[in-house]
Amino acid sequence: MQTFLSEFPFMALSLAVMFIGALLIYVFKNRISNSAGKIATGVSLAGSALMIEPFYELMTEGFSEETYVWSTLLEPFGLFLDPVAFPITLAVVVLGFLSVVYAVGYTEHTEHKPTFFANQLFFIMGMIWVTLATNLIEFFIAWEIMLVPSYFLILFWGLPETRKRTALKFWLYTQSGAVCILIGFGLLYANGGGSFVLANLGASGDLIFKIIFILLAAGFLVKMAVFPIHWWLPPVHAEAPTPISVLLSGAMIETGAYALVRFGTLTLDVVASQFALYIATLGVITVFYGGFMALAQVDIKRLLAYSSVSQMGYVLFALGTATIAGVSGGMFHLINHAFSKGLLFMSAGAVIHQTGLRDIKKMGGLSNKMPITAFAAAIGMMSIAGSPPLSGFASEWMMFLGGFQAAIPIPGAELNMSFLLLAIIAASSSILSAAYMLRFFWRVFLGAHPESLEEVKESPRSMTIPMVILGVLIVIFGIFPSLALDVIVPVFSGVFGP
C-alpha cells in the first residue's frame, strides 16, 4: 500500500482536478448557474485533499517528487514539494479552498457566477503549479497561467468605474516582470549549465550571473509589489472582488518571494549574498512606505493593500539577512501573512457586503452587529501587528533576530554596522504596523455605530466559517510554530551553515 501511495501522482492529479473542474464549470455554465459555487467548492476540496499525501510525504521523507517526460529538447518536467516550497504551497492550498467557500456567499448577487468560479479555480491551480514546478519552461507557463485568470477576474468583476484601467495596469506591470523573468531564464539556461531543469543549473559570481539575478529579481519583486514597483497593487487589491483580493494579497504576491528564494538564494547563491545588503535595505524602505501609506487610507481594502506592501517589505528584509533565523522567519511569514491578511480581507469584504460601505470614516461599532467578523478581524489584526501568542509574532521575531545575526554573525566577530542599523529600524517598524492595524479595527468595529448601520447583520455562514478557520490556524501556528519551523529551518541550516 505504501508503494502504491508513493508512486501515485497526487500532485499532478490535484492540478488536473482543478483544471478539468474549472473547464467543465465554464463549458456547462448555462446549466449550473445557481450551483456553480457548490460545484467549485467540491472541486477545490478534492484538489486540496489530494495534496494531503504529498504534505505527509514531505514530513516523513523530506520531500515529495513526481517527474514526467515532456520532450528530449525541453527535458523532463516535474512537481517537487520540498521544505522551500512548503510554506507557500500550504498557504495557497488552504487559502485557495477557503476563498472558494467564502465566494459562495459573497457572490450571491453576482452575475455570471460559473465563469467567476472557473477563473478562480484556474487562478488557484496556477499558483500551486508555480510553487511545485521543476523546469524553467514549466515554471514560466505556470507563472503566466496564474496571471491570465486573475486579469479577467479584475476586468469583469472589479469596481465598475475603474476595473478596465485597473486590470490594464495589473497586466502591464506583471507582464513587464514576466519579460524580465523570461530573459533571465534564457541567460540562465545558456550560462548555467545548458539545462531547463532547475536542479541541474549552477552559477558563479561572474558579471553575467549578476545580470541574471537583477533580471529575475526585478520580475519577482514586481509580483511582490516592492517599492518603487508596487503601484499596481493598491488599486488591484482594493478594487478586485474580495475573494480574489484574498488570493492576490494572501498568496499571489508571496509567489514572488518564493521564487526569489528558489532562484536567488539557492540557485544564484553567490550573487545573492553579494546583493544581500541592498535587498535588506529595499525591504526596510518598503516596510515604512507601505506602513505610512496604510495609515493615510480611508478605503478599507486599500488600507489592507498597502499593509501587504509593508509586510512584503518584512519578508524582503528577512531574505536579505542571509541568515538561518532571518530567511526561515521570512518563509514562515509567508504562511502567517497568507492566513492573517486573507482573514483581514475576508473581514473587510464581509463588512462591505453587509453595509455597502468602503470608507472607514463612515463605519464604527460593527462589533455589536457583526461579532464573528469582528472577532476574526481582531485575530488577524493582532497577528499582523506581531502580538503574541499569534503566528505573526513568531515569524516577525525570527526576521528581526536574523537582522541582528547578520550584524553580529558570531560572538566576538566584527560588527556589521549597516545591518545593525537596518535591524534596529526594521524592529522599530512594528510600532507602525500596530498603528495602522489598530486604526483599522477601531474605525470599523469599535465605538458607536452610525444610525445608518442600525439594521446591519452578520454575514452568511459561507463567509464566516472560512474566517473562523483562518483565525484558528493563526492561533495554532502561533502557539506551535514548530509545526512549520521544523520543516523550514533544517534546509536553510544547510544553506547558511550552523
Protein backbone atom coordinates (compact mmCIF):
# COMPACT_ATOMS: atom_id res chain seq x y z
CA MET A 1 0.00 0.00 0.00
CA GLN A 2 2.84 2.35 0.86
CA THR A 3 4.50 1.70 -2.50
CA PHE A 4 1.25 2.45 -4.30
CA LEU A 5 0.80 5.74 -2.44
CA SER A 6 4.41 6.79 -3.02
CA GLU A 7 4.04 6.21 -6.77
CA PHE A 8 0.55 7.66 -7.17
CA PRO A 9 0.66 11.12 -8.87
CA PHE A 10 -1.22 13.03 -6.18
CA MET A 11 0.18 16.47 -7.06
CA ALA A 12 -0.43 16.10 -10.79
CA LEU A 13 -3.92 14.81 -10.13
CA SER A 14 -4.61 17.74 -7.81
CA LEU A 15 -3.73 20.18 -10.60
CA ALA A 16 -5.72 18.15 -13.12
CA VAL A 17 -8.82 18.14 -10.90
CA MET A 18 -8.61 21.93 -10.55
CA PHE A 19 -8.10 22.42 -14.30
CA ILE A 20 -10.76 19.97 -15.52
CA GLY A 21 -13.23 21.11 -12.87
CA ALA A 22 -12.79 24.75 -13.87
CA LEU A 23 -13.12 23.85 -17.54
CA LEU A 24 -16.33 21.88 -17.00
CA ILE A 25 -17.85 24.66 -14.91
CA TYR A 26 -17.19 27.08 -17.76
CA VAL A 27 -18.42 24.74 -20.51
CA PHE A 28 -21.68 23.97 -18.70
CA LYS A 29 -22.14 27.46 -17.24
CA ASN A 30 -25.66 27.87 -18.64
CA ARG A 31 -26.86 24.72 -16.88
CA ILE A 32 -25.27 25.20 -13.45
CA SER A 33 -25.69 28.91 -12.85
CA ASN A 34 -27.18 28.53 -9.37
CA SER A 35 -24.96 25.67 -8.21
CA ALA A 36 -21.61 26.81 -9.62
CA GLY A 37 -20.31 27.85 -6.20
CA LYS A 38 -21.10 24.50 -4.60
CA ILE A 39 -19.52 22.60 -7.50
CA ALA A 40 -16.41 24.81 -7.34
CA THR A 41 -16.20 24.17 -3.60
CA GLY A 42 -16.29 20.43 -4.24
CA VAL A 43 -13.62 20.69 -6.93
CA SER A 44 -11.40 22.82 -4.70
CA LEU A 45 -11.90 20.44 -1.78
CA ALA A 46 -10.94 17.45 -3.93
CA GLY A 47 -7.85 19.22 -5.28
CA SER A 48 -6.80 20.28 -1.78
CA ALA A 49 -7.41 16.80 -0.32
CA LEU A 50 -5.13 15.27 -2.96
CA MET A 51 -2.29 17.41 -1.57
CA ILE A 52 -2.53 15.83 1.89
CA GLU A 53 -0.42 12.80 0.97
CA PRO A 54 2.41 14.89 -0.60
CA PHE A 55 2.49 17.02 2.57
CA TYR A 56 2.64 13.85 4.66
CA GLU A 57 5.45 12.51 2.47
CA LEU A 58 7.31 15.79 2.92
CA MET A 59 7.02 15.48 6.69
CA THR A 60 8.20 11.87 6.76
CA GLU A 61 10.61 11.60 3.81
CA GLY A 62 11.82 15.19 3.43
CA PHE A 63 10.27 15.82 0.01
CA SER A 64 7.65 14.61 -2.47
CA GLU A 65 8.50 14.43 -6.16
CA GLU A 66 6.78 13.50 -9.40
CA THR A 67 8.64 13.58 -12.73
CA TYR A 68 7.21 13.33 -16.24
CA VAL A 69 8.75 13.19 -19.70
CA TRP A 70 7.99 16.34 -21.66
CA SER A 71 10.34 16.09 -24.62
CA THR A 72 14.02 15.46 -25.27
CA LEU A 73 14.51 19.11 -26.21
CA LEU A 74 12.64 20.66 -23.29
CA GLU A 75 13.76 17.98 -20.80
CA PRO A 76 11.60 16.39 -18.09
CA PHE A 77 9.25 18.50 -16.04
CA GLY A 78 8.01 17.65 -12.60
CA LEU A 79 6.32 18.62 -9.38
CA PHE A 80 8.57 18.92 -6.34
CA LEU A 81 7.36 19.68 -2.83
CA ASP A 82 10.31 20.33 -0.52
CA PRO A 83 10.81 22.47 2.63
CA VAL A 84 11.39 25.57 0.47
CA ALA A 85 8.09 25.14 -1.36
CA PHE A 86 6.24 24.01 1.77
CA PRO A 87 5.22 27.43 3.21
CA ILE A 88 3.84 28.95 0.02
CA THR A 89 2.22 25.71 -1.17
CA LEU A 90 0.46 25.25 2.17
CA ALA A 91 -0.69 28.87 2.07
CA VAL A 92 -2.08 28.58 -1.46
CA VAL A 93 -3.82 25.24 -0.88
CA VAL A 94 -5.51 26.27 2.37
CA LEU A 95 -6.32 29.84 1.40
CA GLY A 96 -7.42 28.78 -2.07
CA PHE A 97 -10.04 26.38 -0.76
CA LEU A 98 -11.31 28.79 1.89
CA SER A 99 -11.55 31.61 -0.65
CA VAL A 100 -13.83 29.47 -2.82
CA VAL A 101 -16.07 28.69 0.16
CA TYR A 102 -16.11 32.40 1.06
CA ALA A 103 -17.01 33.31 -2.52
CA VAL A 104 -20.20 31.24 -2.39
CA GLY A 105 -21.80 33.75 -0.02
CA TYR A 106 -20.01 36.79 -1.39
CA THR A 107 -21.23 36.22 -4.97
CA GLU A 108 -24.87 35.52 -4.10
CA HIS A 109 -25.94 38.57 -6.15
CA THR A 110 -23.13 38.39 -8.71
CA GLU A 111 -23.77 37.83 -12.41
CA HIS A 112 -22.00 35.10 -14.42
CA LYS A 113 -21.09 33.11 -11.34
CA PRO A 114 -19.91 29.97 -13.22
CA THR A 115 -17.35 31.99 -15.15
CA PHE A 116 -16.22 33.65 -11.94
CA PHE A 117 -15.65 30.34 -10.17
CA ALA A 118 -13.98 28.78 -13.20
CA ASN A 119 -11.45 31.61 -13.31
CA GLN A 120 -10.94 31.38 -9.56
CA LEU A 121 -10.08 27.68 -9.83
CA PHE A 122 -7.72 28.34 -12.76
CA PHE A 123 -6.04 31.03 -10.65
CA ILE A 124 -5.55 28.71 -7.67
CA MET A 125 -4.25 25.92 -9.90
CA GLY A 126 -1.70 28.27 -11.49
CA MET A 127 -0.37 29.37 -8.11
CA ILE A 128 0.00 25.80 -6.85
CA TRP A 129 1.80 24.82 -10.06
CA VAL A 130 4.24 27.73 -9.70
CA THR A 131 5.27 26.53 -6.25
CA LEU A 132 5.90 22.96 -7.44
CA ALA A 133 7.50 23.46 -10.88
CA THR A 134 10.96 21.97 -11.51
CA ASN A 135 11.61 23.09 -15.09
CA LEU A 136 12.24 26.68 -16.23
CA ILE A 137 9.72 26.49 -19.07
CA GLU A 138 7.19 24.75 -16.85
CA PHE A 139 7.62 27.46 -14.20
CA PHE A 140 7.10 30.24 -16.74
CA ILE A 141 3.96 28.60 -18.15
CA ALA A 142 2.52 28.27 -14.65
CA TRP A 143 3.52 31.87 -13.90
CA GLU A 144 1.52 33.06 -16.91
CA ILE A 145 -1.45 30.78 -16.13
CA MET A 146 -1.53 32.46 -12.72
CA LEU A 147 -1.75 35.88 -14.41
CA VAL A 148 -4.46 35.34 -17.05
CA PRO A 149 -7.47 34.34 -14.87
CA SER A 150 -6.64 36.97 -12.26
CA TYR A 151 -6.68 39.60 -15.04
CA PHE A 152 -10.15 38.52 -16.17
CA LEU A 153 -11.45 38.39 -12.61
CA ILE A 154 -10.41 42.01 -12.11
CA LEU A 155 -11.62 43.10 -15.56
CA PHE A 156 -15.13 41.67 -15.30
CA TRP A 157 -15.85 41.66 -11.55
CA GLY A 158 -13.87 44.63 -10.24
CA LEU A 159 -15.34 48.03 -9.40
CA PRO A 160 -17.39 49.08 -12.46
CA GLU A 161 -16.00 52.62 -12.50
CA THR A 162 -12.31 51.69 -12.73
CA ARG A 163 -11.97 47.96 -13.46
CA LYS A 164 -10.75 48.32 -17.07
CA ARG A 165 -7.99 50.74 -16.10
CA THR A 166 -7.05 48.71 -13.05
CA ALA A 167 -6.92 45.42 -14.97
CA LEU A 168 -4.75 47.05 -17.66
CA LYS A 169 -2.33 48.39 -15.05
CA PHE A 170 -2.13 44.94 -13.46
CA TRP A 171 -1.47 43.32 -16.83
CA LEU A 172 1.22 45.79 -17.88
CA TYR A 173 3.13 45.65 -14.61
CA THR A 174 3.06 41.88 -14.25
CA GLN A 175 3.83 41.27 -17.92
CA SER A 176 6.80 43.63 -17.69
CA GLY A 177 8.04 41.50 -14.82
CA ALA A 178 7.39 38.34 -16.83
CA VAL A 179 9.55 39.67 -19.69
CA CYS A 180 12.43 40.20 -17.26
CA ILE A 181 11.97 36.65 -15.97
CA LEU A 182 11.90 35.19 -19.48
CA ILE A 183 15.11 36.96 -20.48
CA GLY A 184 16.72 35.92 -17.20
CA PHE A 185 15.73 32.29 -17.76
CA GLY A 186 17.21 32.38 -21.25
CA LEU A 187 20.52 33.70 -19.96
CA LEU A 188 20.48 31.24 -17.05
CA TYR A 189 19.94 28.33 -19.45
CA ALA A 190 22.77 29.50 -21.71
CA ASN A 191 25.27 30.18 -18.92
CA GLY A 192 24.17 27.99 -16.03
CA GLY A 193 24.66 24.52 -17.47
CA GLY A 194 22.51 24.32 -20.59
CA SER A 195 19.57 22.71 -18.82
CA PHE A 196 15.96 23.68 -18.25
CA VAL A 197 15.80 21.55 -15.10
CA LEU A 198 16.37 23.80 -12.11
CA ALA A 199 18.30 21.19 -10.12
CA ASN A 200 20.90 20.93 -12.92
CA LEU A 201 21.69 24.65 -13.03
CA GLY A 202 24.73 26.23 -11.43
CA ALA A 203 26.10 29.75 -11.10
CA SER A 204 29.15 31.74 -10.03
CA GLY A 205 29.84 35.35 -9.12
CA ASP A 206 30.62 36.41 -12.70
CA LEU A 207 29.07 39.53 -14.21
CA ILE A 208 26.60 37.57 -16.36
CA PHE A 209 25.09 35.96 -13.27
CA LYS A 210 24.75 39.35 -11.63
CA ILE A 211 22.77 40.47 -14.67
CA ILE A 212 20.65 37.33 -14.47
CA PHE A 213 20.00 37.92 -10.78
CA ILE A 214 18.94 41.53 -11.39
CA LEU A 215 16.57 40.48 -14.20
CA LEU A 216 14.97 37.69 -12.19
CA ALA A 217 14.78 39.80 -9.04
CA ALA A 218 13.07 42.59 -10.98
CA GLY A 219 10.44 40.17 -12.25
CA PHE A 220 9.82 38.62 -8.86
CA LEU A 221 9.83 41.93 -6.98
CA VAL A 222 7.12 43.26 -9.30
CA LYS A 223 4.96 40.36 -8.17
CA MET A 224 5.84 41.10 -4.52
CA ALA A 225 4.89 44.77 -5.12
CA VAL A 226 8.06 46.07 -3.51
CA PHE A 227 8.67 49.83 -3.51
CA PRO A 228 9.04 51.51 -6.03
CA ILE A 229 7.44 48.96 -8.40
CA HIS A 230 4.35 48.48 -6.27
CA TRP A 231 1.96 50.91 -7.95
CA TRP A 232 -0.24 48.20 -9.44
CA LEU A 233 -1.06 46.58 -6.08
CA PRO A 234 -3.19 49.11 -4.13
CA PRO A 235 -5.85 49.66 -6.83
CA VAL A 236 -5.86 46.00 -7.88
CA HIS A 237 -6.23 44.54 -4.38
CA ALA A 238 -8.69 47.23 -3.35
CA GLU A 239 -10.93 47.03 -6.41
CA ALA A 240 -10.89 43.29 -7.14
CA PRO A 241 -13.79 41.21 -5.81
CA THR A 242 -12.91 40.30 -2.23
CA PRO A 243 -12.45 36.51 -2.72
CA ILE A 244 -9.82 37.40 -5.32
CA SER A 245 -8.28 40.11 -3.12
CA VAL A 246 -7.83 37.35 -0.54
CA LEU A 247 -5.81 35.33 -3.05
CA LEU A 248 -3.95 38.27 -4.57
CA SER A 249 -2.75 39.61 -1.23
CA GLY A 250 -2.57 36.41 0.76
CA ALA A 251 -1.00 34.14 -1.85
CA MET A 252 -0.10 35.54 -5.27
CA ILE A 253 2.32 38.25 -4.15
CA GLU A 254 4.04 35.65 -1.98
CA THR A 255 4.91 33.54 -5.02
CA GLY A 256 7.38 36.31 -5.86
CA ALA A 257 9.12 35.84 -2.51
CA TYR A 258 9.21 32.06 -3.00
CA ALA A 259 10.69 32.46 -6.49
CA LEU A 260 13.31 34.89 -5.17
CA VAL A 261 14.43 32.25 -2.66
CA ARG A 262 14.31 29.39 -5.16
CA PHE A 263 16.19 31.15 -7.94
CA GLY A 264 18.16 33.71 -5.94
CA THR A 265 19.08 32.39 -2.50
CA LEU A 266 19.53 28.80 -3.69
CA THR A 267 20.44 28.79 -7.40
CA LEU A 268 22.28 32.14 -7.65
CA ASP A 269 23.55 31.94 -4.08
CA VAL A 270 26.93 33.60 -4.66
CA VAL A 271 25.41 36.63 -6.34
CA ALA A 272 22.52 36.77 -3.87
CA SER A 273 24.98 37.08 -0.98
CA GLN A 274 26.68 39.99 -2.76
CA PHE A 275 23.35 41.81 -3.10
CA ALA A 276 22.16 40.92 0.42
CA LEU A 277 22.57 44.37 1.98
CA TYR A 278 20.78 46.07 -0.93
CA ILE A 279 17.90 43.59 -0.72
CA ALA A 280 17.53 44.11 3.03
CA THR A 281 17.66 47.91 2.62
CA LEU A 282 14.96 47.85 -0.05
CA GLY A 283 12.89 45.69 2.26
CA VAL A 284 13.09 48.18 5.14
CA ILE A 285 12.20 51.08 2.83
CA THR A 286 9.17 49.11 1.62
CA VAL A 287 8.10 48.34 5.19
CA PHE A 288 7.93 52.02 6.12
CA TYR A 289 6.48 53.24 2.84
CA GLY A 290 3.67 50.69 2.90
CA GLY A 291 3.02 51.32 6.60
CA PHE A 292 2.75 55.10 6.32
CA MET A 293 0.56 54.81 3.22
CA ALA A 294 -1.72 52.37 5.08
CA LEU A 295 -2.10 54.93 7.87
CA ALA A 296 -3.33 57.50 5.38
CA GLN A 297 -6.06 55.38 3.75
CA VAL A 298 -9.81 55.63 4.37
CA ASP A 299 -10.84 52.90 1.91
CA ILE A 300 -10.90 49.71 3.97
CA LYS A 301 -9.44 47.44 1.28
CA ARG A 302 -6.84 49.97 0.10
CA LEU A 303 -5.62 50.23 3.70
CA LEU A 304 -5.11 46.46 3.77
CA ALA A 305 -3.49 46.55 0.33
CA TYR A 306 -0.79 48.98 1.48
CA SER A 307 -0.37 46.81 4.56
CA SER A 308 0.52 43.95 2.21
CA VAL A 309 3.20 46.13 0.61
CA SER A 310 4.64 46.74 4.07
CA GLN A 311 4.51 43.06 5.03
CA MET A 312 6.32 42.02 1.86
CA GLY A 313 8.99 44.50 2.89
CA TYR A 314 9.49 42.47 6.07
CA VAL A 315 9.94 39.31 4.01
CA LEU A 316 12.41 41.01 1.66
CA PHE A 317 14.40 42.31 4.63
CA ALA A 318 14.48 38.79 6.08
CA LEU A 319 15.75 37.29 2.81
CA GLY A 320 18.43 39.96 2.67
CA THR A 321 19.82 38.99 6.07
CA ALA A 322 21.09 35.71 4.57
CA THR A 323 20.92 34.03 8.00
CA ILE A 324 19.18 30.88 9.17
CA ALA A 325 16.82 32.71 11.51
CA GLY A 326 16.10 35.54 9.08
CA VAL A 327 15.34 33.53 5.95
CA SER A 328 13.49 30.83 7.90
CA GLY A 329 11.42 33.54 9.59
CA GLY A 330 10.72 35.15 6.22
CA MET A 331 9.49 31.86 4.78
CA PHE A 332 7.40 31.21 7.90
CA HIS A 333 5.94 34.69 7.49
CA LEU A 334 4.57 33.62 4.11
CA ILE A 335 2.23 31.26 5.95
CA ASN A 336 1.36 33.80 8.62
CA HIS A 337 0.79 36.67 6.22
CA ALA A 338 -1.34 34.47 3.96
CA PHE A 339 -3.63 33.44 6.81
CA SER A 340 -3.67 36.83 8.58
CA LYS A 341 -4.11 39.01 5.53
CA GLY A 342 -6.53 36.56 3.95
CA LEU A 343 -8.57 36.77 7.14
CA LEU A 344 -8.46 40.57 7.17
CA PHE A 345 -9.57 40.86 3.55
CA MET A 346 -12.39 38.41 4.25
CA SER A 347 -13.43 40.57 7.22
CA ALA A 348 -13.29 43.71 5.09
CA GLY A 349 -15.28 42.00 2.35
CA ALA A 350 -17.90 40.91 4.86
CA VAL A 351 -18.24 44.50 6.09
CA ILE A 352 -18.58 45.81 2.53
CA HIS A 353 -21.03 43.02 1.67
CA GLN A 354 -23.28 43.80 4.66
CA THR A 355 -23.02 47.60 4.79
CA GLY A 356 -22.29 48.63 1.21
CA LEU A 357 -19.58 50.96 2.57
CA ARG A 358 -15.84 51.13 1.95
CA ASP A 359 -14.98 54.36 3.79
CA ILE A 360 -13.87 53.56 7.35
CA LYS A 361 -14.84 57.08 8.47
CA LYS A 362 -18.48 56.16 7.85
CA MET A 363 -18.26 52.99 9.93
CA GLY A 364 -17.95 52.19 13.62
CA GLY A 365 -19.43 49.94 16.27
CA LEU A 366 -19.82 46.96 13.95
CA SER A 367 -18.59 44.55 16.62
CA ASN A 368 -22.14 44.69 18.03
CA LYS A 369 -23.69 43.92 14.65
CA MET A 370 -21.09 41.50 13.26
CA PRO A 371 -19.46 39.84 16.28
CA ILE A 372 -17.94 36.87 14.43
CA THR A 373 -16.42 39.11 11.78
CA ALA A 374 -15.12 41.49 14.44
CA PHE A 375 -13.53 38.70 16.49
CA ALA A 376 -11.91 37.21 13.39
CA ALA A 377 -10.64 40.64 12.32
CA ALA A 378 -9.17 41.16 15.80
CA ILE A 379 -7.14 37.96 15.46
CA GLY A 380 -5.87 38.96 12.01
CA MET A 381 -5.13 42.49 13.17
CA MET A 382 -3.12 41.36 16.20
CA SER A 383 -1.22 38.78 14.15
CA ILE A 384 -0.14 41.36 11.56
CA ALA A 385 0.83 43.69 14.41
CA GLY A 386 3.04 40.91 15.80
CA SER A 387 1.19 40.26 19.05
CA PRO A 388 1.91 37.03 20.95
CA PRO A 389 0.80 34.27 21.04
CA LEU A 390 -0.36 34.59 17.44
CA SER A 391 1.64 33.34 14.48
CA GLY A 392 2.74 36.78 13.28
CA PHE A 393 4.76 37.28 16.46
CA ALA A 394 6.92 34.19 15.92
CA SER A 395 7.81 35.00 12.30
CA GLU A 396 8.47 38.69 12.95
CA TRP A 397 10.69 37.86 15.93
CA MET A 398 12.73 35.47 13.76
CA MET A 399 13.07 38.03 10.95
CA PHE A 400 14.35 40.68 13.36
CA LEU A 401 16.66 38.13 15.00
CA GLY A 402 18.06 37.35 11.56
CA GLY A 403 18.88 41.02 11.08
CA PHE A 404 20.84 41.14 14.34
CA GLN A 405 22.60 37.89 13.47
CA ALA A 406 23.66 39.42 10.17
CA ALA A 407 25.11 42.34 12.13
CA ILE A 408 26.93 40.06 14.60
CA PRO A 409 27.42 36.66 12.88
CA ILE A 410 29.31 35.10 15.81
CA PRO A 411 30.28 36.40 19.26
CA GLY A 412 33.41 38.46 19.02
CA ALA A 413 33.15 38.97 15.26
CA GLU A 414 33.48 42.39 13.69
CA LEU A 415 30.24 44.34 13.89
CA ASN A 416 28.41 44.97 10.62
CA MET A 417 27.08 48.44 11.39
CA SER A 418 24.90 48.59 8.25
CA PHE A 419 22.93 45.50 9.18
CA LEU A 420 22.75 46.59 12.81
CA LEU A 421 21.09 49.86 11.83
CA LEU A 422 18.76 48.09 9.42
CA ALA A 423 17.75 45.57 12.08
CA ILE A 424 17.02 48.30 14.63
CA ILE A 425 15.00 50.31 12.11
CA ALA A 426 13.12 47.20 10.94
CA ALA A 427 12.26 46.19 14.52
CA SER A 428 11.00 49.70 15.29
CA SER A 429 8.62 49.50 12.32
CA SER A 430 6.47 47.06 14.30
CA ILE A 431 5.07 50.17 16.01
CA LEU A 432 3.88 51.37 12.62
CA SER A 433 2.25 48.00 11.87
CA ALA A 434 0.39 48.14 15.18
CA ALA A 435 -0.70 51.72 14.46
CA TYR A 436 -2.39 51.12 11.11
CA MET A 437 -3.95 47.85 12.29
CA LEU A 438 -5.37 49.44 15.45
CA ARG A 439 -6.70 52.36 13.41
CA PHE A 440 -8.41 49.92 11.06
CA PHE A 441 -10.03 47.95 13.88
CA TRP A 442 -11.04 51.00 15.92
CA ARG A 443 -12.64 52.81 12.98
CA VAL A 444 -14.59 49.79 11.76
CA PHE A 445 -15.58 47.77 14.79
CA LEU A 446 -15.34 49.88 17.95
CA GLY A 447 -17.21 52.93 19.25
CA ALA A 448 -20.81 53.79 18.45
CA HIS A 449 -22.28 52.75 15.13
CA PRO A 450 -23.99 55.33 12.88
CA GLU A 451 -27.78 55.21 12.66
CA SER A 452 -27.48 54.21 9.00
CA LEU A 453 -25.91 50.89 10.11
CA GLU A 454 -28.62 50.04 12.64
CA GLU A 455 -30.02 47.19 10.53
CA VAL A 456 -26.68 45.59 9.64
CA LYS A 457 -26.47 41.86 10.33
CA GLU A 458 -23.72 39.24 10.41
CA SER A 459 -22.58 37.90 7.05
CA PRO A 460 -23.64 34.44 5.75
CA ARG A 461 -22.09 31.29 7.19
CA SER A 462 -20.19 30.55 3.99
CA MET A 463 -18.30 33.78 4.69
CA THR A 464 -17.88 33.49 8.46
CA ILE A 465 -16.77 29.84 8.56
CA PRO A 466 -13.60 30.45 6.47
CA MET A 467 -12.79 33.40 8.73
CA VAL A 468 -13.13 31.26 11.85
CA ILE A 469 -10.93 28.53 10.35
CA LEU A 470 -8.20 31.03 9.47
CA GLY A 471 -8.41 32.51 12.96
CA VAL A 472 -7.94 29.07 14.49
CA LEU A 473 -4.95 28.36 12.22
CA ILE A 474 -3.33 31.66 13.23
CA VAL A 475 -3.63 30.70 16.90
CA ILE A 476 -2.35 27.16 16.28
CA PHE A 477 0.73 28.30 14.35
CA GLY A 478 1.33 30.97 16.98
CA ILE A 479 1.31 28.52 19.89
CA PHE A 480 3.02 25.73 17.94
CA PRO A 481 5.33 27.44 15.40
CA SER A 482 7.41 24.26 15.27
CA LEU A 483 4.70 22.77 13.04
CA ALA A 484 6.20 24.86 10.25
CA LEU A 485 9.69 25.68 11.52
CA ASP A 486 10.70 22.04 11.98
CA VAL A 487 10.23 21.70 8.23
CA ILE A 488 11.68 25.04 7.15
CA VAL A 489 14.72 25.60 9.37
CA PRO A 490 16.79 22.47 8.52
CA VAL A 491 17.01 23.29 4.81
CA PHE A 492 18.35 26.79 5.47
CA SER A 493 20.68 25.49 8.17
CA GLY A 494 22.29 23.53 5.36
CA VAL A 495 22.49 26.62 3.14
CA PHE A 496 23.82 29.16 5.64
CA GLY A 497 25.77 26.87 7.96
CA PRO A 498 25.34 26.05 11.65
